[in-house]
Structure formats: structure tokens, C-alpha cells
């Protein structure tokens, strides 16, 4: 005869193992963030090269909006 408690015990085992693995990866992720693994060191050095273009775009937008307000 088929025993119904065996499939449920497998589900509990798999859930427990998956939760342990998820907690492990979460802890590893938090430790890597705290150690600076994901710090972006490239973007700030490149951002200063494009600052002039952003200022020019803002000036153009302000000029067009001021012209629209005058009309």
C-alpha cells in the first residue's frame, strides 16, 4: 500500500534545503556589497567628460521655455 507521508517529507526537506541555500546567497551578497565589490569606479571619471554637454542641453531647454513664456 502507498504511504502518504513520504511525499510530504520530501517537500519539507526540499523547502528546508532551498531556504538554507537562499539565506547563504543572501549573506554572501550582503558581505560583497559591504566589502565594496559593486562600487562603480568607472562612471564618475567618465561623467566629468559629459558635464559640458548636459549644461548645453539645459541651457537650450531653458531658452526654449523662456521663449514660450514670452509669447
C-alpha atoms as a PDB file:
ATOM      1  CA  UNK A   1       0.000   0.000   0.000  1.00  0.00           C
ATOM      2  CA  UNK A   2       1.119   3.589  -0.700  1.00  0.00           C
ATOM      3  CA  UNK A   3       2.210   5.710   2.259  1.00  0.00           C
ATOM      4  CA  UNK A   4       1.104   9.379   2.018  1.00  0.00           C
ATOM      5  CA  UNK A   5       3.664  10.782   4.455  1.00  0.00           C
ATOM      6  CA  UNK A   6       6.707  10.163   2.227  1.00  0.00           C
ATOM      7  CA  UNK A   7       5.951  12.800  -0.461  1.00  0.00           C
ATOM      8  CA  UNK A   8       5.242  15.447   2.177  1.00  0.00           C
ATOM      9  CA  UNK A   9       8.502  14.763   3.962  1.00  0.00           C
ATOM     10  CA  UNK A  10      10.359  15.218   0.653  1.00  0.00           C
ATOM     11  CA  UNK A  11       8.674  18.582   0.149  1.00  0.00           C
ATOM     12  CA  UNK A  12       9.666  19.691   3.651  1.00  0.00           C
ATOM     13  CA  UNK A  13      13.224  18.567   3.003  1.00  0.00           C
ATOM     14  CA  UNK A  14      13.413  20.406  -0.322  1.00  0.00           C
ATOM     15  CA  UNK A  15      11.931  23.576   1.186  1.00  0.00           C
ATOM     16  CA  UNK A  16      14.441  23.493   4.019  1.00  0.00           C
ATOM     17  CA  UNK A  17      17.377  22.989   1.673  1.00  0.00           C
ATOM     18  CA  UNK A  18      16.212  25.772  -0.676  1.00  0.00           C
ATOM     19  CA  UNK A  19      15.757  28.217   2.209  1.00  0.00           C
ATOM     20  CA  UNK A  20      19.244  27.425   3.528  1.00  0.00           C
ATOM     21  CA  UNK A  21      20.754  27.972   0.077  1.00  0.00           C
ATOM     22  CA  UNK A  22      18.822  31.244  -0.366  1.00  0.00           C
ATOM     23  CA  UNK A  23      19.988  32.544   3.018  1.00  0.00           C
ATOM     24  CA  UNK A  24      23.573  31.582   2.150  1.00  0.00           C
ATOM     25  CA  UNK A  25      23.478  33.511  -1.144  1.00  0.00           C
ATOM     26  CA  UNK A  26      21.843  36.490   0.572  1.00  0.00           C
ATOM     27  CA  UNK A  27      24.590  36.599   3.221  1.00  0.00           C
ATOM     28  CA  UNK A  28      27.286  36.332   0.535  1.00  0.00           C
ATOM     29  CA  UNK A  29      25.623  39.174  -1.397  1.00  0.00           C
ATOM     30  CA  UNK A  30      25.442  41.421   1.677  1.00  0.00           C
ATOM     31  CA  UNK A  31      29.095  40.732   2.517  1.00  0.00           C
ATOM     32  CA  UNK A  32      30.175  41.532  -1.038  1.00  0.00           C
ATOM     33  CA  UNK A  33      28.237  44.803  -1.023  1.00  0.00           C
ATOM     34  CA  UNK A  34      29.780  45.819   2.297  1.00  0.00           C
ATOM     35  CA  UNK A  35      33.271  44.999   1.050  1.00  0.00           C
ATOM     36  CA  UNK A  36      32.838  47.291  -1.973  1.00  0.00           C
ATOM     37  CA  UNK A  37      32.558  44.603  -4.615  1.00  0.00           C
ATOM     38  CA  UNK A  38      29.870  46.526  -6.516  1.00  0.00           C
ATOM     39  CA  UNK A  39      31.323  50.029  -6.218  1.00  0.00           C
ATOM     40  CA  UNK A  40      31.308  51.862  -9.516  1.00  0.00           C
ATOM     41  CA  UNK A  41      34.710  53.412 -10.052  1.00  0.00           C
ATOM     42  CA  UNK A  42      34.380  53.999 -13.787  1.00  0.00           C
ATOM     43  CA  UNK A  43      31.284  56.195 -14.128  1.00  0.00           C
ATOM     44  CA  UNK A  44      32.455  59.196 -12.069  1.00  0.00           C
ATOM     45  CA  UNK A  45      35.587  59.526 -14.181  1.00  0.00           C
ATOM     46  CA  UNK A  46      33.567  59.485 -17.393  1.00  0.00           C
ATOM     47  CA  UNK A  47      30.744  61.686 -16.097  1.00  0.00           C
ATOM     48  CA  UNK A  48      33.021  64.733 -15.938  1.00  0.00           C
ATOM     49  CA  UNK A  49      33.655  64.398 -19.674  1.00  0.00           C
ATOM     50  CA  UNK A  50      29.951  64.768 -20.476  1.00  0.00           C
ATOM     51  CA  UNK A  51      29.109  67.539 -17.995  1.00  0.00           C
ATOM     52  CA  UNK A  52      29.523  70.252 -20.626  1.00  0.00           C
ATOM     53  CA  UNK A  53      27.024  68.574 -22.927  1.00  0.00           C
ATOM     54  CA  UNK A  54      24.479  68.354 -20.106  1.00  0.00           C
ATOM     55  CA  UNK A  55      24.913  72.057 -19.332  1.00  0.00           C
ATOM     56  CA  UNK A  56      24.418  72.938 -23.004  1.00  0.00           C
ATOM     57  CA  UNK A  57      21.244  70.862 -23.172  1.00  0.00           C
ATOM     58  CA  UNK A  58      19.873  72.533 -20.031  1.00  0.00           C
ATOM     59  CA  UNK A  59      20.618  75.983 -21.476  1.00  0.00           C
ATOM     60  CA  UNK A  60      18.802  75.112 -24.697  1.00  0.00           C
ATOM     61  CA  UNK A  61      15.798  73.835 -22.779  1.00  0.00           C
ATOM     62  CA  UNK A  62      15.705  76.985 -20.645  1.00  0.00           C
ATOM     63  CA  UNK A  63      15.922  79.186 -23.734  1.00  0.00           C
ATOM     64  CA  UNK A  64      13.046  77.404 -25.449  1.00  0.00           C
ATOM     65  CA  UNK A  65      10.859  77.526 -22.344  1.00  0.00           C
ATOM     66  CA  UNK A  66      11.605  81.230 -21.803  1.00  0.00           C
ATOM     67  CA  UNK A  67      10.655  81.947 -25.437  1.00  0.00           C
ATOM     68  CA  UNK A  68       7.396  80.072 -24.982  1.00  0.00           C
ATOM     69  CA  UNK A  69       6.600  82.057 -21.824  1.00  0.00           C
ATOM     70  CA  UNK A  70       7.208  85.372 -23.624  1.00  0.00           C
ATOM     71  CA  UNK A  71       4.730  84.502 -26.359  1.00  0.00           C
END
